[in-house]
Amino acid sequence: MGMTMPDILFRLKSGTDMRNAFFATTALVLGAAMTAPVAMAQNVAVDVRVDRLEKEMRAVQRKVFPAGAPLEAEITRPATPQVTPGSPASTPVADLTARVNALESQLASITGQVEENSFKLKQLEEAFNRYKAEQDSRAPQAVVAPPPVRPAVDPVTATQPATPRPATNGSAANAGATEERKAAVARVERPSTGNESDDAYTYGYRLWDAKFYPEAQAQLKATVDKFGSAPVASKAANLLGRAYLDDGKPALASVTFYENYQKRPRGDRAADSLTYLGEALIQLKKPADACKVYAELEQVYGATLSSSLRGLMDKGRARAKCSA
């Protein structure tokens, strides 16, 4: 049967449409196949960055909380931008990448703050160590170590003083003077109130007040050795230093005063010992060290100094020619 011209044109057109549809379908399939690896690669890259972020966050936690305390990171999700109608929407991978970028930026900021705080803490520690070394250097150094003092009397239990060493020349005059001194010391009343530490100090004070300095030194030193942790120790150690000073032994006095101040800075006679330490250093011809002691005295006890101690300090500063 013969075909007309319209039938021929219809068949040609139908074949062309089928070929076009085939090519379009093929292009879509190829496009999807090419896009899938790209999306997978993007997902892999994001996963790697997230893993790295987790590791860095754990490192920051270990640095900030070495004991293992958890770190509550103040990281908020970025605000979702408003999409203008008609503009293309972002893909989920792009949103996730933007969030990972924000996390990386905030983690870098946290890490920087941790490092800055560590540096400041190190600076504070160094400054404190310098201050401590400066304070230690300001304290006067002991001139000589105190030799052991041999008691002339039994400091607590004896009722009579020990027999002194015989006079070197063996003369009757010296022997008589020794016996006279023994009798005078024996006349100093030994208290007996039942408070052993106070009685020991009071007896030492009475010996010092009677100007029996060697006997007072032995008594007071024994009191400090036996009752060093009791409140009376501050008074006994200070009076021991004064007994040395009054006996013309400024080196021993300086050591005693300094140890009393160092060991008992809150004791009853701590300020007294620091004041008399300046006097001992002046007698040792160390005016510069005496000025340092007076500066320490003013700094530590200035507001609570009694009028008598302040008067001694002012006179000592004038003698040592301390600058204002």
C-alpha atoms as a PDB file:
ATOM      1  CA  MET A   1       0.000   0.000   0.000  1.00  0.00           C
ATOM      2  CA  GLY A   2       1.509   3.319  -0.920  1.00  0.00           C
ATOM      3  CA  MET A   3       2.372   5.909   1.783  1.00  0.00           C
ATOM      4  CA  THR A   4       1.313   9.446   1.457  1.00  0.00           C
ATOM      5  CA  MET A   5       3.589  12.398   2.163  1.00  0.00           C
ATOM      6  CA  PRO A   6       1.966  13.168   5.562  1.00  0.00           C
ATOM      7  CA  ASP A   7       2.545   9.583   6.725  1.00  0.00           C
ATOM      8  CA  ILE A   8       6.205   9.773   5.824  1.00  0.00           C
ATOM      9  CA  LEU A   9       6.680  13.051   7.676  1.00  0.00           C
ATOM     10  CA  PHE A  10       4.943  11.652  10.813  1.00  0.00           C
ATOM     11  CA  ARG A  11       7.191   8.632  10.954  1.00  0.00           C
ATOM     12  CA  LEU A  12      10.320  10.711  10.534  1.00  0.00           C
ATOM     13  CA  LYS A  13       9.250  13.002  13.354  1.00  0.00           C
ATOM     14  CA  SER A  14       8.449  10.099  15.716  1.00  0.00           C
ATOM     15  CA  GLY A  15      11.896   8.556  15.186  1.00  0.00           C
ATOM     16  CA  THR A  16      13.559  11.839  15.898  1.00  0.00           C
ATOM     17  CA  ASP A  17      11.661  12.264  19.209  1.00  0.00           C
ATOM     18  CA  MET A  18      12.606   8.782  20.369  1.00  0.00           C
ATOM     19  CA  ARG A  19      16.256   9.414  19.654  1.00  0.00           C
ATOM     20  CA  ASN A  20      16.126  12.701  21.541  1.00  0.00           C
ATOM     21  CA  ALA A  21      14.456  11.010  24.533  1.00  0.00           C
ATOM     22  CA  PHE A  22      17.083   8.266  24.528  1.00  0.00           C
ATOM     23  CA  PHE A  23      19.934  10.766  24.470  1.00  0.00           C
ATOM     24  CA  ALA A  24      18.344  12.819  27.310  1.00  0.00           C
ATOM     25  CA  THR A  25      17.913   9.754  29.485  1.00  0.00           C
ATOM     26  CA  THR A  26      21.482   8.680  28.848  1.00  0.00           C
ATOM     27  CA  ALA A  27      22.755  12.130  29.812  1.00  0.00           C
ATOM     28  CA  LEU A  28      20.842  12.059  33.116  1.00  0.00           C
ATOM     29  CA  VAL A  29      22.224   8.639  34.003  1.00  0.00           C
ATOM     30  CA  LEU A  30      25.772   9.689  33.180  1.00  0.00           C
ATOM     31  CA  GLY A  31      25.358  12.917  35.157  1.00  0.00           C
ATOM     32  CA  ALA A  32      24.152  11.046  38.221  1.00  0.00           C
ATOM     33  CA  ALA A  33      26.991   8.571  37.932  1.00  0.00           C
ATOM     34  CA  MET A  34      29.520  11.402  37.741  1.00  0.00           C
ATOM     35  CA  THR A  35      27.930  13.343  40.652  1.00  0.00           C
ATOM     36  CA  ALA A  36      27.873  10.389  43.074  1.00  0.00           C
ATOM     37  CA  PRO A  37      31.699  10.125  43.448  1.00  0.00           C
ATOM     38  CA  VAL A  38      31.938  13.886  44.033  1.00  0.00           C
ATOM     39  CA  ALA A  39      29.324  13.733  46.792  1.00  0.00           C
ATOM     40  CA  MET A  40      31.031  10.720  48.339  1.00  0.00           C
ATOM     41  CA  ALA A  41      34.395  12.523  48.260  1.00  0.00           C
ATOM     42  CA  GLN A  42      32.850  15.534  49.966  1.00  0.00           C
ATOM     43  CA  ASN A  43      31.357  13.332  52.687  1.00  0.00           C
ATOM     44  CA  VAL A  44      34.714  11.630  53.249  1.00  0.00           C
ATOM     45  CA  ALA A  45      36.482  14.993  53.522  1.00  0.00           C
ATOM     46  CA  VAL A  46      33.928  16.225  56.078  1.00  0.00           C
ATOM     47  CA  ASP A  47      34.269  13.024  58.122  1.00  0.00           C
ATOM     48  CA  VAL A  48      38.049  13.440  58.233  1.00  0.00           C
ATOM     49  CA  ARG A  49      37.700  17.024  59.427  1.00  0.00           C
ATOM     50  CA  VAL A  50      35.162  16.017  62.091  1.00  0.00           C
ATOM     51  CA  ASP A  51      37.513  13.286  63.366  1.00  0.00           C
ATOM     52  CA  ARG A  52      40.350  15.797  63.541  1.00  0.00           C
ATOM     53  CA  LEU A  53      38.116  18.236  65.422  1.00  0.00           C
ATOM     54  CA  GLU A  54      37.245  15.574  67.985  1.00  0.00           C
ATOM     55  CA  LYS A  55      40.922  14.735  68.539  1.00  0.00           C
ATOM     56  CA  GLU A  56      41.858  18.398  68.943  1.00  0.00           C
ATOM     57  CA  MET A  57      38.973  18.947  71.363  1.00  0.00           C
ATOM     58  CA  ARG A  58      40.159  16.018  73.506  1.00  0.00           C
ATOM     59  CA  ALA A  59      43.674  17.502  73.484  1.00  0.00           C
ATOM     60  CA  VAL A  60      42.271  20.815  74.711  1.00  0.00           C
ATOM     61  CA  GLN A  61      40.340  18.994  77.445  1.00  0.00           C
ATOM     62  CA  ARG A  62      43.491  17.246  78.649  1.00  0.00           C
ATOM     63  CA  LYS A  63      45.345  20.572  78.780  1.00  0.00           C
ATOM     64  CA  VAL A  64      42.605  22.524  80.546  1.00  0.00           C
ATOM     65  CA  PHE A  65      41.419  19.674  82.770  1.00  0.00           C
ATOM     66  CA  PRO A  66      44.391  17.396  83.492  1.00  0.00           C
ATOM     67  CA  ALA A  67      42.316  15.574  86.122  1.00  0.00           C
ATOM     68  CA  GLY A  68      39.859  14.469  83.475  1.00  0.00           C
ATOM     69  CA  ALA A  69      36.974  16.857  84.175  1.00  0.00           C
ATOM     70  CA  PRO A  70      34.691  17.198  81.172  1.00  0.00           C
ATOM     71  CA  LEU A  71      34.793  20.322  79.081  1.00  0.00           C
ATOM     72  CA  GLU A  72      31.451  21.796  78.130  1.00  0.00           C
ATOM     73  CA  ALA A  73      32.281  23.526  74.898  1.00  0.00           C
ATOM     74  CA  GLU A  74      30.309  26.671  74.311  1.00  0.00           C
ATOM     75  CA  ILE A  75      29.916  26.085  70.595  1.00  0.00           C
ATOM     76  CA  THR A  76      26.606  26.986  69.028  1.00  0.00           C
ATOM     77  CA  ARG A  77      25.268  26.020  65.701  1.00  0.00           C
ATOM     78  CA  PRO A  78      25.640  28.817  63.161  1.00  0.00           C
ATOM     79  CA  ALA A  79      22.454  30.686  62.452  1.00  0.00           C
ATOM     80  CA  THR A  80      20.681  29.418  59.352  1.00  0.00           C
ATOM     81  CA  PRO A  81      20.810  32.140  56.746  1.00  0.00           C
ATOM     82  CA  GLN A  82      17.524  33.324  55.318  1.00  0.00           C
ATOM     83  CA  VAL A  83      17.042  32.110  51.793  1.00  0.00           C
ATOM     84  CA  THR A  84      15.878  34.727  49.375  1.00  0.00           C
ATOM     85  CA  PRO A  85      12.967  33.489  47.249  1.00  0.00           C
ATOM     86  CA  GLY A  86      14.184  32.465  43.858  1.00  0.00           C
ATOM     87  CA  SER A  87      17.779  31.802  45.000  1.00  0.00           C
ATOM     88  CA  PRO A  88      19.149  28.241  44.758  1.00  0.00           C
ATOM     89  CA  ALA A  89      19.019  26.223  48.028  1.00  0.00           C
ATOM     90  CA  SER A  90      22.277  24.895  49.504  1.00  0.00           C
ATOM     91  CA  THR A  91      22.904  21.172  49.628  1.00  0.00           C
ATOM     92  CA  PRO A  92      23.138  19.221  52.951  1.00  0.00           C
ATOM     93  CA  VAL A  93      26.845  18.665  52.314  1.00  0.00           C
ATOM     94  CA  ALA A  94      27.386  22.420  51.960  1.00  0.00           C
ATOM     95  CA  ASP A  95      25.517  23.059  55.241  1.00  0.00           C
ATOM     96  CA  LEU A  96      27.577  20.422  57.044  1.00  0.00           C
ATOM     97  CA  THR A  97      30.800  21.871  55.645  1.00  0.00           C
ATOM     98  CA  ALA A  98      29.818  25.338  56.874  1.00  0.00           C
ATOM     99  CA  ARG A  99      29.177  23.973  60.374  1.00  0.00           C
ATOM    100  CA  VAL A 100      32.527  22.165  60.395  1.00  0.00           C
ATOM    101  CA  ASN A 101      34.226  25.406  59.341  1.00  0.00           C
ATOM    102  CA  ALA A 102      32.571  27.187  62.270  1.00  0.00           C
ATOM    103  CA  LEU A 103      33.676  24.419  64.666  1.00  0.00           C
ATOM    104  CA  GLU A 104      37.256  24.624  63.432  1.00  0.00           C
ATOM    105  CA  SER A 105      37.281  28.399  63.876  1.00  0.00           C
ATOM    106  CA  GLN A 106      35.922  28.237  67.442  1.00  0.00           C
ATOM    107  CA  LEU A 107      38.263  25.395  68.389  1.00  0.00           C
ATOM    108  CA  ALA A 108      41.214  27.453  67.173  1.00  0.00           C
ATOM    109  CA  SER A 109      39.986  30.354  69.310  1.00  0.00           C
ATOM    110  CA  ILE A 110      39.679  28.116  72.408  1.00  0.00           C
ATOM    111  CA  THR A 111      43.144  26.671  71.841  1.00  0.00           C
ATOM    112  CA  GLY A 112      44.583  30.165  71.558  1.00  0.00           C
ATOM    113  CA  GLN A 113      42.938  31.210  74.831  1.00  0.00           C
ATOM    114  CA  VAL A 114      44.311  28.120  76.604  1.00  0.00           C
ATOM    115  CA  GLU A 115      47.832  28.876  75.412  1.00  0.00           C
ATOM    116  CA  GLU A 116      47.488  32.527  76.444  1.00  0.00           C
ATOM    117  CA  ASN A 117      46.222  31.563  79.909  1.00  0.00           C
ATOM    118  CA  SER A 118      49.087  29.081  80.327  1.00  0.00           C
ATOM    119  CA  PHE A 119      51.583  31.801  79.419  1.00  0.00           C
ATOM    120  CA  LYS A 120      50.024  34.233  81.911  1.00  0.00           C
ATOM    121  CA  LEU A 121      50.062  31.566  84.634  1.00  0.00           C
ATOM    122  CA  LYS A 122      53.741  30.943  83.980  1.00  0.00           C
ATOM    123  CA  GLN A 123      54.413  34.682  84.243  1.00  0.00           C
ATOM    124  CA  LEU A 124      52.574  34.814  87.602  1.00  0.00           C
ATOM    125  CA  GLU A 125      54.624  31.904  88.944  1.00  0.00           C
ATOM    126  CA  GLU A 126      57.874  33.552  87.862  1.00  0.00           C
ATOM    127  CA  ALA A 127      56.820  36.867  89.431  1.00  0.00           C
ATOM    128  CA  PHE A 128      55.943  35.135  92.699  1.00  0.00           C
ATOM    129  CA  ASN A 129      59.283  33.309  92.769  1.00  0.00           C
ATOM    130  CA  ARG A 130      61.105  36.610  92.211  1.00  0.00           C
ATOM    131  CA  TYR A 131      59.112  38.245  95.014  1.00  0.00           C
ATOM    132  CA  LYS A 132      59.844  35.344  97.393  1.00  0.00           C
ATOM    133  CA  ALA A 133      63.562  35.488  96.577  1.00  0.00           C
ATOM    134  CA  GLU A 134      63.562  39.239  97.172  1.00  0.00           C
ATOM    135  CA  GLN A 135      61.844  38.831 100.541  1.00  0.00           C
ATOM    136  CA  ASP A 136      64.317  36.138 101.563  1.00  0.00           C
ATOM    137  CA  SER A 137      67.238  38.336 100.561  1.00  0.00           C
ATOM    138  CA  ARG A 138      65.907  41.198 102.668  1.00  0.00           C
ATOM    139  CA  ALA A 139      66.201  39.191 105.875  1.00  0.00           C
ATOM    140  CA  PRO A 140      69.486  39.857 107.671  1.00  0.00           C
ATOM    141  CA  GLN A 141      71.988  37.063 107.598  1.00  0.00           C
ATOM    142  CA  ALA A 142      73.204  35.560 110.833  1.00  0.00           C
ATOM    143  CA  VAL A 143      76.610  36.814 111.726  1.00  0.00           C
ATOM    144  CA  VAL A 144      77.894  33.747 113.523  1.00  0.00           C
ATOM    145  CA  ALA A 145      76.346  30.520 114.639  1.00  0.00           C
ATOM    146  CA  PRO A 146      75.600  30.540 118.347  1.00  0.00           C
ATOM    147  CA  PRO A 147      77.918  28.211 120.252  1.00  0.00           C
ATOM    148  CA  PRO A 148      76.340  25.904 122.784  1.00  0.00           C
ATOM    149  CA  VAL A 149      75.849  27.644 126.095  1.00  0.00           C
ATOM    150  CA  ARG A 150      76.879  25.619 129.111  1.00  0.00           C
ATOM    151  CA  PRO A 151      74.336  26.298 131.851  1.00  0.00           C
ATOM    152  CA  ALA A 152      75.734  27.715 135.042  1.00  0.00           C
ATOM    153  CA  VAL A 153      72.640  26.458 136.871  1.00  0.00           C
ATOM    154  CA  ASP A 154      70.193  23.658 136.382  1.00  0.00           C
ATOM    155  CA  PRO A 155      67.525  25.660 134.483  1.00  0.00           C
ATOM    156  CA  VAL A 156      64.381  23.988 135.795  1.00  0.00           C
ATOM    157  CA  THR A 157      64.890  21.549 138.633  1.00  0.00           C
ATOM    158  CA  ALA A 158      67.992  22.678 140.528  1.00  0.00           C
ATOM    159  CA  THR A 159      67.564  24.734 143.645  1.00  0.00           C
ATOM    160  CA  GLN A 160      71.200  25.789 143.844  1.00  0.00           C
ATOM    161  CA  PRO A 161      73.448  27.034 141.020  1.00  0.00           C
ATOM    162  CA  ALA A 162      76.162  24.760 139.741  1.00  0.00           C
ATOM    163  CA  THR A 163      79.636  25.217 141.125  1.00  0.00           C
ATOM    164  CA  PRO A 164      81.494  27.629 138.835  1.00  0.00           C
ATOM    165  CA  ARG A 165      84.917  26.834 137.459  1.00  0.00           C
ATOM    166  CA  PRO A 166      87.729  27.810 139.823  1.00  0.00           C
ATOM    167  CA  ALA A 167      89.502  31.092 139.241  1.00  0.00           C
ATOM    168  CA  THR A 168      92.456  30.873 136.912  1.00  0.00           C
ATOM    169  CA  ASN A 169      94.879  32.427 139.344  1.00  0.00           C
ATOM    170  CA  GLY A 170      93.507  30.485 142.329  1.00  0.00           C
ATOM    171  CA  SER A 171      93.574  33.619 144.476  1.00  0.00           C
ATOM    172  CA  ALA A 172      91.476  33.838 147.618  1.00  0.00           C
ATOM    173  CA  ALA A 173      89.939  37.098 146.361  1.00  0.00           C
ATOM    174  CA  ASN A 174      88.503  35.449 143.252  1.00  0.00           C
ATOM    175  CA  ALA A 175      87.275  32.503 145.293  1.00  0.00           C
ATOM    176  CA  GLY A 176      85.549  34.898 147.658  1.00  0.00           C
ATOM    177  CA  ALA A 177      83.923  36.760 144.761  1.00  0.00           C
ATOM    178  CA  THR A 178      82.672  33.492 143.317  1.00  0.00           C
ATOM    179  CA  GLU A 179      81.158  32.442 146.615  1.00  0.00           C
ATOM    180  CA  GLU A 180      79.564  35.853 146.979  1.00  0.00           C
ATOM    181  CA  ARG A 181      78.027  35.586 143.495  1.00  0.00           C
ATOM    182  CA  LYS A 182      76.709  32.115 144.247  1.00  0.00           C
ATOM    183  CA  ALA A 183      75.040  33.416 147.348  1.00  0.00           C
ATOM    184  CA  ALA A 184      73.527  36.342 145.454  1.00  0.00           C
ATOM    185  CA  VAL A 185      72.156  34.066 142.738  1.00  0.00           C
ATOM    186  CA  ALA A 186      70.736  31.761 145.371  1.00  0.00           C
ATOM    187  CA  ARG A 187      68.774  34.680 146.809  1.00  0.00           C
ATOM    188  CA  VAL A 188      66.874  35.082 143.519  1.00  0.00           C
ATOM    189  CA  GLU A 189      63.508  33.509 144.202  1.00  0.00           C
ATOM    190  CA  ARG A 190      62.476  30.615 141.976  1.00  0.00           C
ATOM    191  CA  PRO A 191      58.706  30.744 141.363  1.00  0.00           C
ATOM    192  CA  SER A 192      56.536  27.707 141.904  1.00  0.00           C
ATOM    193  CA  THR A 193      53.003  28.359 140.651  1.00  0.00           C
ATOM    194  CA  GLY A 194      52.438  24.956 139.087  1.00  0.00           C
ATOM    195  CA  ASN A 195      52.806  26.292 135.541  1.00  0.00           C
ATOM    196  CA  GLU A 196      56.192  24.870 134.611  1.00  0.00           C
ATOM    197  CA  SER A 197      56.789  26.888 131.438  1.00  0.00           C
ATOM    198  CA  ASP A 198      55.789  30.220 132.983  1.00  0.00           C
ATOM    199  CA  ASP A 199      57.818  29.507 136.116  1.00  0.00           C
ATOM    200  CA  ALA A 200      60.903  28.728 134.000  1.00  0.00           C
ATOM    201  CA  TYR A 201      60.553  32.014 132.093  1.00  0.00           C
ATOM    202  CA  THR A 202      59.849  34.050 135.233  1.00  0.00           C
ATOM    203  CA  TYR A 203      62.968  32.702 136.922  1.00  0.00           C
ATOM    204  CA  GLY A 204      65.037  33.613 133.866  1.00  0.00           C
ATOM    205  CA  TYR A 205      63.521  37.096 133.894  1.00  0.00           C
ATOM    206  CA  ARG A 206      64.412  37.558 137.577  1.00  0.00           C
ATOM    207  CA  LEU A 207      68.004  36.520 136.927  1.00  0.00           C
ATOM    208  CA  TRP A 208      68.209  38.963 134.003  1.00  0.00           C
ATOM    209  CA  ASP A 209      66.623  41.736 136.007  1.00  0.00           C
ATOM    210  CA  ALA A 210      69.210  41.161 138.764  1.00  0.00           C
ATOM    211  CA  LYS A 211      71.902  41.465 136.062  1.00  0.00           C
ATOM    212  CA  PHE A 212      73.091  37.889 136.435  1.00  0.00           C
ATOM    213  CA  TYR A 213      73.387  37.646 132.664  1.00  0.00           C
ATOM    214  CA  PRO A 214      75.250  34.324 132.263  1.00  0.00           C
ATOM    215  CA  GLU A 215      72.849  32.572 134.624  1.00  0.00           C
ATOM    216  CA  ALA A 216      69.871  34.209 132.910  1.00  0.00           C
ATOM    217  CA  GLN A 217      71.171  33.106 129.493  1.00  0.00           C
ATOM    218  CA  ALA A 218      71.440  29.491 130.638  1.00  0.00           C
ATOM    219  CA  GLN A 219      67.979  29.540 132.206  1.00  0.00           C
ATOM    220  CA  LEU A 220      66.255  31.204 129.240  1.00  0.00           C
ATOM    221  CA  LYS A 221      67.989  29.026 126.633  1.00  0.00           C
ATOM    222  CA  ALA A 222      66.871  25.907 128.500  1.00  0.00           C
ATOM    223  CA  THR A 223      63.338  27.324 128.612  1.00  0.00           C
ATOM    224  CA  VAL A 224      63.293  27.888 124.844  1.00  0.00           C
ATOM    225  CA  ASP A 225      64.692  24.423 124.172  1.00  0.00           C
ATOM    226  CA  LYS A 226      62.115  22.728 126.391  1.00  0.00           C
ATOM    227  CA  PHE A 227      59.055  24.856 125.635  1.00  0.00           C
ATOM    228  CA  GLY A 228      59.825  25.986 122.084  1.00  0.00           C
ATOM    229  CA  SER A 229      56.282  25.368 120.837  1.00  0.00           C
ATOM    230  CA  ALA A 230      54.551  26.993 123.816  1.00  0.00           C
ATOM    231  CA  PRO A 231      53.402  30.647 123.786  1.00  0.00           C
ATOM    232  CA  VAL A 232      56.018  31.514 126.406  1.00  0.00           C
ATOM    233  CA  ALA A 233      58.820  30.639 123.931  1.00  0.00           C
ATOM    234  CA  SER A 234      58.504  33.983 122.128  1.00  0.00           C
ATOM    235  CA  LYS A 235      59.072  35.909 125.357  1.00  0.00           C
ATOM    236  CA  ALA A 236      61.866  33.622 126.536  1.00  0.00           C
ATOM    237  CA  ALA A 237      63.773  33.774 123.219  1.00  0.00           C
ATOM    238  CA  ASN A 238      63.469  37.560 123.047  1.00  0.00           C
ATOM    239  CA  LEU A 239      64.708  37.963 126.624  1.00  0.00           C
ATOM    240  CA  LEU A 240      67.564  35.552 125.855  1.00  0.00           C
ATOM    241  CA  GLY A 241      68.640  37.856 123.021  1.00  0.00           C
ATOM    242  CA  ARG A 242      68.496  40.852 125.339  1.00  0.00           C
ATOM    243  CA  ALA A 243      70.564  38.990 127.943  1.00  0.00           C
ATOM    244  CA  TYR A 244      73.223  38.401 125.272  1.00  0.00           C
ATOM    245  CA  LEU A 245      73.029  42.044 124.190  1.00  0.00           C
ATOM    246  CA  ASP A 246      73.328  43.353 127.737  1.00  0.00           C
ATOM    247  CA  ASP A 247      76.243  40.993 128.322  1.00  0.00           C
ATOM    248  CA  GLY A 248      78.183  42.514 125.396  1.00  0.00           C
ATOM    249  CA  LYS A 249      77.505  39.649 122.964  1.00  0.00           C
ATOM    250  CA  PRO A 250      75.757  41.305 119.984  1.00  0.00           C
ATOM    251  CA  ALA A 251      76.622  38.459 117.582  1.00  0.00           C
ATOM    252  CA  LEU A 252      74.811  35.869 119.703  1.00  0.00           C
ATOM    253  CA  ALA A 253      72.023  38.364 120.289  1.00  0.00           C
ATOM    254  CA  SER A 254      71.511  38.962 116.542  1.00  0.00           C
ATOM    255  CA  VAL A 255      71.204  35.226 115.874  1.00  0.00           C
ATOM    256  CA  THR A 256      68.741  34.765 118.736  1.00  0.00           C
ATOM    257  CA  PHE A 257      66.561  37.716 117.760  1.00  0.00           C
ATOM    258  CA  TYR A 258      66.466  36.687 114.107  1.00  0.00           C
ATOM    259  CA  GLU A 259      65.555  33.066 114.890  1.00  0.00           C
ATOM    260  CA  ASN A 260      62.780  34.167 117.231  1.00  0.00           C
ATOM    261  CA  TYR A 261      61.299  36.426 114.553  1.00  0.00           C
ATOM    262  CA  GLN A 262      61.581  33.774 111.836  1.00  0.00           C
ATOM    263  CA  LYS A 263      60.195  30.888 113.888  1.00  0.00           C
ATOM    264  CA  ARG A 264      57.501  32.835 115.736  1.00  0.00           C
ATOM    265  CA  PRO A 265      56.418  35.801 113.569  1.00  0.00           C
ATOM    266  CA  ARG A 266      53.097  36.000 115.408  1.00  0.00           C
ATOM    267  CA  GLY A 267      54.557  35.552 118.877  1.00  0.00           C
ATOM    268  CA  ASP A 268      54.176  38.068 121.678  1.00  0.00           C
ATOM    269  CA  ARG A 269      57.731  39.365 121.251  1.00  0.00           C
ATOM    270  CA  ALA A 270      58.259  39.018 117.480  1.00  0.00           C
ATOM    271  CA  ALA A 271      58.204  42.782 116.921  1.00  0.00           C
ATOM    272  CA  ASP A 272      60.485  43.300 119.937  1.00  0.00           C
ATOM    273  CA  SER A 273      63.027  40.829 118.550  1.00  0.00           C
ATOM    274  CA  LEU A 274      63.038  42.553 115.171  1.00  0.00           C
ATOM    275  CA  THR A 275      63.545  45.934 116.861  1.00  0.00           C
ATOM    276  CA  TYR A 276      66.433  44.725 119.021  1.00  0.00           C
ATOM    277  CA  LEU A 277      67.921  42.894 116.030  1.00  0.00           C
ATOM    278  CA  GLY A 278      68.469  46.314 114.468  1.00  0.00           C
ATOM    279  CA  GLU A 279      70.264  47.433 117.648  1.00  0.00           C
ATOM    280  CA  ALA A 280      72.474  44.315 117.612  1.00  0.00           C
ATOM    281  CA  LEU A 281      73.428  44.933 113.971  1.00  0.00           C
ATOM    282  CA  ILE A 282      74.327  48.547 114.749  1.00  0.00           C
ATOM    283  CA  GLN A 283      76.635  47.336 117.513  1.00  0.00           C
ATOM    284  CA  LEU A 284      78.163  44.922 115.004  1.00  0.00           C
ATOM    285  CA  LYS A 285      78.814  47.926 112.720  1.00  0.00           C
ATOM    286  CA  LYS A 286      76.368  46.772 110.053  1.00  0.00           C
ATOM    287  CA  PRO A 287      74.170  49.859 109.634  1.00  0.00           C
ATOM    288  CA  ALA A 288      72.953  48.901 106.154  1.00  0.00           C
ATOM    289  CA  ASP A 289      71.604  45.601 107.461  1.00  0.00           C
ATOM    290  CA  ALA A 290      70.055  47.402 110.414  1.00  0.00           C
ATOM    291  CA  CYS A 291      68.198  49.709 108.012  1.00  0.00           C
ATOM    292  CA  LYS A 292      66.801  46.684 106.189  1.00  0.00           C
ATOM    293  CA  VAL A 293      65.598  45.273 109.488  1.00  0.00           C
ATOM    294  CA  TYR A 294      63.874  48.536 110.401  1.00  0.00           C
ATOM    295  CA  ALA A 295      62.204  48.623 106.985  1.00  0.00           C
ATOM    296  CA  GLU A 296      60.922  45.088 107.561  1.00  0.00           C
ATOM    297  CA  LEU A 297      59.713  46.092 111.028  1.00  0.00           C
ATOM    298  CA  GLU A 298      57.778  49.044 109.644  1.00  0.00           C
ATOM    299  CA  GLN A 299      56.278  46.988 106.831  1.00  0.00           C
ATOM    300  CA  VAL A 300      55.162  44.032 108.967  1.00  0.00           C
ATOM    301  CA  TYR A 301      54.309  45.608 112.324  1.00  0.00           C
ATOM    302  CA  GLY A 302      54.114  49.346 111.638  1.00  0.00           C
ATOM    303  CA  ALA A 303      50.432  49.713 112.479  1.00  0.00           C
ATOM    304  CA  THR A 304      50.717  47.732 115.725  1.00  0.00           C
ATOM    305  CA  LEU A 305      54.067  48.935 117.070  1.00  0.00           C
ATOM    306  CA  SER A 306      53.986  50.234 120.605  1.00  0.00           C
ATOM    307  CA  SER A 307      55.271  53.731 121.304  1.00  0.00           C
ATOM    308  CA  SER A 308      58.351  52.357 123.069  1.00  0.00           C
ATOM    309  CA  LEU A 309      59.340  50.098 120.146  1.00  0.00           C
ATOM    310  CA  ARG A 310      58.707  52.873 117.631  1.00  0.00           C
ATOM    311  CA  GLY A 311      60.915  55.159 119.696  1.00  0.00           C
ATOM    312  CA  LEU A 312      63.717  52.556 119.652  1.00  0.00           C
ATOM    313  CA  MET A 313      63.266  52.110 115.902  1.00  0.00           C
ATOM    314  CA  ASP A 314      63.435  55.850 115.225  1.00  0.00           C
ATOM    315  CA  LYS A 315      66.598  56.203 117.328  1.00  0.00           C
ATOM    316  CA  GLY A 316      68.156  53.218 115.588  1.00  0.00           C
ATOM    317  CA  ARG A 317      67.369  54.646 112.158  1.00  0.00           C
ATOM    318  CA  ALA A 318      69.015  57.889 113.121  1.00  0.00           C
ATOM    319  CA  ARG A 319      72.154  56.124 114.407  1.00  0.00           C
ATOM    320  CA  ALA A 320      72.331  53.902 111.300  1.00  0.00           C
ATOM    321  CA  LYS A 321      71.649  56.931 109.049  1.00  0.00           C
ATOM    322  CA  CYS A 322      68.842  55.147 107.232  1.00  0.00           C
ATOM    323  CA  SER A 323      67.299  57.004 104.327  1.00  0.00           C
ATOM    324  CA  ALA A 324      63.657  57.916 104.677  1.00  0.00           C
END
